[in-house]
Amino acid sequence: MNVVIVSAVFPPEPVVTAQTSFQIADELFHDGHQVTVLAPFPNAPTAGSSKAIGVTLPSGEHGFSVIRCFSFLSRKSTMGSRLLENMGFAITCSARVLFLPRPDVLYMNSWVIVCSGMVSAAAWLRSIPVAMSIQDVYPESLSQQKRISTHSLLFRVLRALDRRIAHSAKALIVISDQFRETYRVDRGVPAERIHVLQNWERQAPSTWMPAAPTACVRNTASSITRCWLSMRATLVQQRG
């Protein structure tokens, strides 16, 4: 299986999601699959270290390719700065998806709506099945942060876009039962497309800690493989 992984963060970024994306790529590679990672240049701790566009890093000891795509660096965690970073990566990453050798499946763990929408559109143009990881629900998350109102036109537009993007994916990988119900009930995604893989577990009544990474990574890799197998089975039925 030829897999492309689109990740909004990737080592050496010092965040859990970056390590998870690396571990998923490594797991798939050691399962015998061909893996290519599309990721932006590190935003932290070395923001501004490179301005090259679309640099392919050598595979090295890990065996899979990492292609760094241009994005605007976000030195401040403001909505405008993050949106600019999101849009820059969305454009360059989508172009890569359009012109790379066609993969069997695309796994995406990236910024929602703008980046996920553009990458999903590029995948749709090439009939690439997408398995999408959802770590937060937008625009509901923005509403909880008091950044937009649930009664605003912007909220309704963003929710409609998120619904369309979710429906375009062959598999949604969500981190909680609550997220699953949001996408099943509010977004109308068929239940069989939604997979709950919790990457946090309760250690005490008021404490949540990262779940065992090996199990989470293996389950995610299995979901990506199932997405590919399901798509292949559908094609066989159509041709038969």
Protein backbone atom coordinates (compact mmCIF):
# COMPACT_ATOMS: atom_id res chain seq x y z
CA MET A 1 0.00 0.00 0.00
CA ASN A 2 1.23 3.48 -0.91
CA VAL A 3 0.27 5.94 1.85
CA VAL A 4 0.58 9.72 1.99
CA ILE A 5 0.39 11.25 5.46
CA VAL A 6 -0.52 14.93 5.73
CA SER A 7 0.46 16.24 9.16
CA ALA A 8 0.19 19.82 10.40
CA VAL A 9 3.12 19.21 12.75
CA PHE A 10 6.00 16.76 12.59
CA PRO A 11 9.25 16.26 14.51
CA PRO A 12 11.22 18.16 15.65
CA GLU A 13 8.06 20.04 16.71
CA PRO A 14 7.81 19.38 20.50
CA VAL A 15 4.13 18.44 20.57
CA VAL A 16 2.34 15.11 21.04
CA THR A 17 0.61 15.24 17.64
CA ALA A 18 3.95 15.52 15.85
CA GLN A 19 5.26 12.42 17.61
CA THR A 20 2.03 10.55 16.89
CA SER A 21 2.24 11.30 13.16
CA PHE A 22 5.86 10.14 13.12
CA GLN A 23 4.96 6.91 14.94
CA ILE A 24 2.08 6.19 12.54
CA ALA A 25 4.41 6.68 9.56
CA ASP A 26 7.00 4.45 11.17
CA GLU A 27 4.42 1.77 12.02
CA LEU A 28 3.06 1.70 8.46
CA PHE A 29 6.58 1.59 7.00
CA HIS A 30 7.57 -1.36 9.18
CA ASP A 31 4.34 -3.10 8.15
CA GLY A 32 5.75 -3.07 4.62
CA HIS A 33 3.94 -0.05 3.18
CA GLN A 34 5.40 2.82 1.16
CA VAL A 35 5.01 6.02 3.17
CA THR A 36 5.42 9.70 2.25
CA VAL A 37 4.85 12.45 4.82
CA LEU A 38 3.81 15.99 3.83
CA ALA A 39 4.45 18.46 6.65
CA PRO A 40 5.31 22.15 7.09
CA PHE A 41 8.68 23.37 8.26
CA PRO A 42 8.98 23.36 12.05
CA ASN A 43 7.30 26.36 13.61
CA ALA A 44 8.85 25.71 17.03
CA PRO A 45 11.39 25.80 18.49
CA THR A 46 13.26 26.92 15.34
CA ALA A 47 10.77 29.18 13.59
CA GLY A 48 12.25 30.81 10.53
CA SER A 49 14.98 28.20 10.09
CA SER A 50 14.10 27.60 6.45
CA LYS A 51 12.07 29.29 3.75
CA ALA A 52 12.53 26.70 1.03
CA ILE A 53 9.45 25.43 -0.75
CA GLY A 54 8.72 21.73 -1.05
CA VAL A 55 12.06 20.36 0.13
CA THR A 56 12.29 16.57 0.21
CA LEU A 57 14.33 15.38 3.15
CA PRO A 58 16.32 12.16 2.80
CA SER A 59 14.60 9.07 4.14
CA GLY A 60 17.51 8.27 6.46
CA GLU A 61 17.23 5.48 8.97
CA HIS A 62 13.45 5.66 9.18
CA GLY A 63 12.93 4.56 5.59
CA PHE A 64 10.09 6.89 4.64
CA SER A 65 10.22 10.25 2.86
CA VAL A 66 9.37 13.56 4.52
CA ILE A 67 8.49 16.43 2.19
CA ARG A 68 8.51 19.83 3.86
CA CYS A 69 5.97 22.20 2.33
CA PHE A 70 6.09 25.97 2.62
CA SER A 71 3.83 27.66 5.15
CA PHE A 72 3.87 31.02 6.84
CA LEU A 73 5.45 30.74 10.28
CA SER A 74 3.19 31.59 13.20
CA ARG A 75 5.29 33.21 15.94
CA LYS A 76 2.21 34.33 17.90
CA SER A 77 -0.79 32.19 18.74
CA THR A 78 -3.35 34.62 17.35
CA MET A 79 -6.30 33.68 15.16
CA GLY A 80 -4.97 35.68 12.21
CA SER A 81 -1.44 34.29 12.46
CA ARG A 82 -2.64 30.71 12.73
CA LEU A 83 -5.06 31.17 9.82
CA LEU A 84 -2.23 32.48 7.61
CA GLU A 85 -0.05 29.52 8.57
CA ASN A 86 -2.98 27.19 7.86
CA MET A 87 -3.66 28.69 4.42
CA GLY A 88 0.00 28.64 3.35
CA PHE A 89 0.38 24.96 4.15
CA ALA A 90 -3.02 24.16 2.64
CA ILE A 91 -2.04 25.60 -0.74
CA THR A 92 1.41 24.02 -1.02
CA CYS A 93 0.36 20.69 0.46
CA SER A 94 -2.67 20.43 -1.87
CA ALA A 95 -0.40 21.08 -4.86
CA ARG A 96 1.85 18.24 -3.71
CA VAL A 97 -1.14 15.90 -3.43
CA LEU A 98 -2.13 16.78 -7.00
CA PHE A 99 1.28 16.02 -8.49
CA LEU A 100 2.72 13.23 -6.35
CA PRO A 101 2.43 9.66 -7.67
CA ARG A 102 -1.13 8.68 -6.79
CA PRO A 103 -1.25 6.98 -3.36
CA ASP A 104 -3.69 4.23 -2.40
CA VAL A 105 -4.87 6.18 0.64
CA LEU A 106 -4.23 9.55 2.29
CA TYR A 107 -4.19 9.94 6.06
CA MET A 108 -4.71 13.50 7.25
CA ASN A 109 -4.04 14.96 10.68
CA SER A 110 -4.05 18.66 9.93
CA TRP A 111 -5.77 21.96 10.61
CA VAL A 112 -9.48 21.70 10.12
CA ILE A 113 -11.72 23.28 7.49
CA VAL A 114 -9.20 25.35 5.48
CA CYS A 115 -6.36 22.84 5.17
CA SER A 116 -8.50 19.73 5.47
CA GLY A 117 -10.92 21.16 2.91
CA MET A 118 -8.29 21.97 0.31
CA VAL A 119 -6.42 18.68 0.75
CA SER A 120 -9.72 16.75 0.59
CA ALA A 121 -10.60 18.55 -2.64
CA ALA A 122 -7.22 17.65 -4.16
CA ALA A 123 -7.71 14.03 -3.08
CA TRP A 124 -11.22 13.99 -4.55
CA LEU A 125 -9.92 15.21 -7.91
CA ARG A 126 -7.60 12.19 -8.03
CA SER A 127 -10.05 9.71 -6.45
CA ILE A 128 -7.78 9.16 -3.44
CA PRO A 129 -9.62 7.77 -0.38
CA VAL A 130 -9.03 9.85 2.75
CA ALA A 131 -8.81 8.73 6.37
CA MET A 132 -9.12 11.88 8.48
CA SER A 133 -8.04 12.28 12.10
CA ILE A 134 -10.15 14.74 14.10
CA GLN A 135 -8.60 16.07 17.31
CA ASP A 136 -11.12 18.88 17.83
CA VAL A 137 -14.51 19.88 16.43
CA TYR A 138 -14.80 23.20 14.62
CA PRO A 139 -16.52 25.63 14.67
CA GLU A 140 -17.90 24.42 18.02
CA SER A 141 -14.45 24.77 19.58
CA LEU A 142 -14.26 28.43 18.49
CA SER A 143 -17.66 29.02 20.06
CA GLN A 144 -16.50 27.52 23.37
CA GLN A 145 -13.51 29.88 23.26
CA LYS A 146 -15.95 32.81 22.82
CA ARG A 147 -14.38 33.69 19.46
CA ILE A 148 -17.57 33.34 17.44
CA SER A 149 -21.26 33.07 18.29
CA THR A 150 -23.28 29.95 17.51
CA HIS A 151 -25.93 32.29 16.06
CA SER A 152 -23.56 33.96 13.61
CA LEU A 153 -23.49 33.44 9.86
CA LEU A 154 -19.80 32.52 10.09
CA PHE A 155 -20.58 29.68 12.50
CA ARG A 156 -23.23 28.25 10.16
CA VAL A 157 -20.93 28.51 7.13
CA LEU A 158 -18.02 26.82 8.93
CA ARG A 159 -20.25 24.02 10.21
CA ALA A 160 -21.61 23.42 6.71
CA LEU A 161 -18.06 23.27 5.34
CA ASP A 162 -16.99 20.86 8.07
CA ARG A 163 -20.00 18.66 7.31
CA ARG A 164 -19.10 18.52 3.62
CA ILE A 165 -15.44 17.73 4.35
CA ALA A 166 -16.41 14.98 6.81
CA HIS A 167 -18.73 13.38 4.25
CA SER A 168 -15.94 13.33 1.66
CA ALA A 169 -13.73 11.14 3.89
CA LYS A 170 -13.91 7.35 3.71
CA ALA A 171 -13.02 7.15 7.41
CA LEU A 172 -13.09 9.56 10.34
CA ILE A 173 -10.81 8.83 13.31
CA VAL A 174 -12.10 10.72 16.35
CA ILE A 175 -10.79 10.82 19.92
CA SER A 176 -14.00 10.50 21.94
CA ASP A 177 -17.54 9.13 21.91
CA GLN A 178 -18.79 12.72 22.11
CA PHE A 179 -17.00 13.58 18.86
CA ARG A 180 -18.42 10.45 17.26
CA GLU A 181 -21.96 11.50 18.15
CA THR A 182 -21.36 15.02 16.86
CA TYR A 183 -20.31 13.69 13.47
CA ARG A 184 -22.96 10.98 13.40
CA VAL A 185 -25.92 13.10 14.51
CA ASP A 186 -25.12 16.72 13.62
CA ARG A 187 -22.91 16.13 10.55
CA GLY A 188 -24.83 13.07 9.37
CA VAL A 189 -21.79 10.87 8.73
CA PRO A 190 -22.65 7.13 8.57
CA ALA A 191 -21.68 5.41 11.85
CA GLU A 192 -19.63 2.74 10.08
CA ARG A 193 -17.22 5.40 8.80
CA ILE A 194 -16.43 6.75 12.28
CA HIS A 195 -13.74 5.12 14.42
CA VAL A 196 -13.12 6.16 18.04
CA LEU A 197 -9.46 5.96 19.04
CA GLN A 198 -8.93 7.65 22.40
CA ASN A 199 -5.45 9.11 22.79
CA TRP A 200 -6.13 10.29 26.35
CA GLU A 201 -7.15 8.14 29.30
CA ARG A 202 -8.32 8.93 32.83
CA GLN A 203 -5.66 8.31 35.50
CA ALA A 204 -7.61 9.89 38.37
CA PRO A 205 -11.07 11.47 38.75
CA SER A 206 -9.77 14.86 37.54
CA THR A 207 -6.63 13.85 35.62
CA TRP A 208 -6.25 12.91 31.97
CA MET A 209 -2.98 11.56 30.54
CA PRO A 210 -1.87 10.49 27.03
CA ALA A 211 -2.96 6.94 26.27
CA ALA A 212 -0.43 4.20 25.59
CA PRO A 213 1.14 5.43 22.32
CA THR A 214 1.85 2.01 20.86
CA ALA A 215 -1.78 0.86 21.02
CA CYS A 216 -3.10 4.18 19.71
CA VAL A 217 -0.61 4.17 16.82
CA ARG A 218 -1.33 0.57 15.87
CA ASN A 219 -5.08 1.16 15.94
CA THR A 220 -4.72 4.24 13.74
CA ALA A 221 -2.52 2.35 11.28
CA SER A 222 -5.13 -0.43 11.22
CA SER A 223 -7.90 2.11 10.50
CA ILE A 224 -5.89 3.51 7.58
CA THR A 225 -5.42 -0.01 6.20
CA ARG A 226 -9.14 -0.77 6.61
CA CYS A 227 -9.99 2.42 4.73
CA TRP A 228 -7.82 1.25 1.83
CA LEU A 229 -9.22 -2.30 1.89
CA SER A 230 -12.79 -0.99 1.98
CA MET A 231 -12.15 1.27 -0.99
CA ARG A 232 -10.50 -1.57 -2.91
CA ALA A 233 -13.41 -3.90 -2.19
CA THR A 234 -15.86 -1.27 -3.45
CA LEU A 235 -13.90 -0.89 -6.69
CA VAL A 236 -13.86 -4.66 -7.20
CA GLN A 237 -17.64 -4.80 -6.75
CA GLN A 238 -18.17 -1.96 -9.21
CA ARG A 239 -15.94 -3.60 -11.81
CA GLY A 240 -17.64 -6.96 -11.27
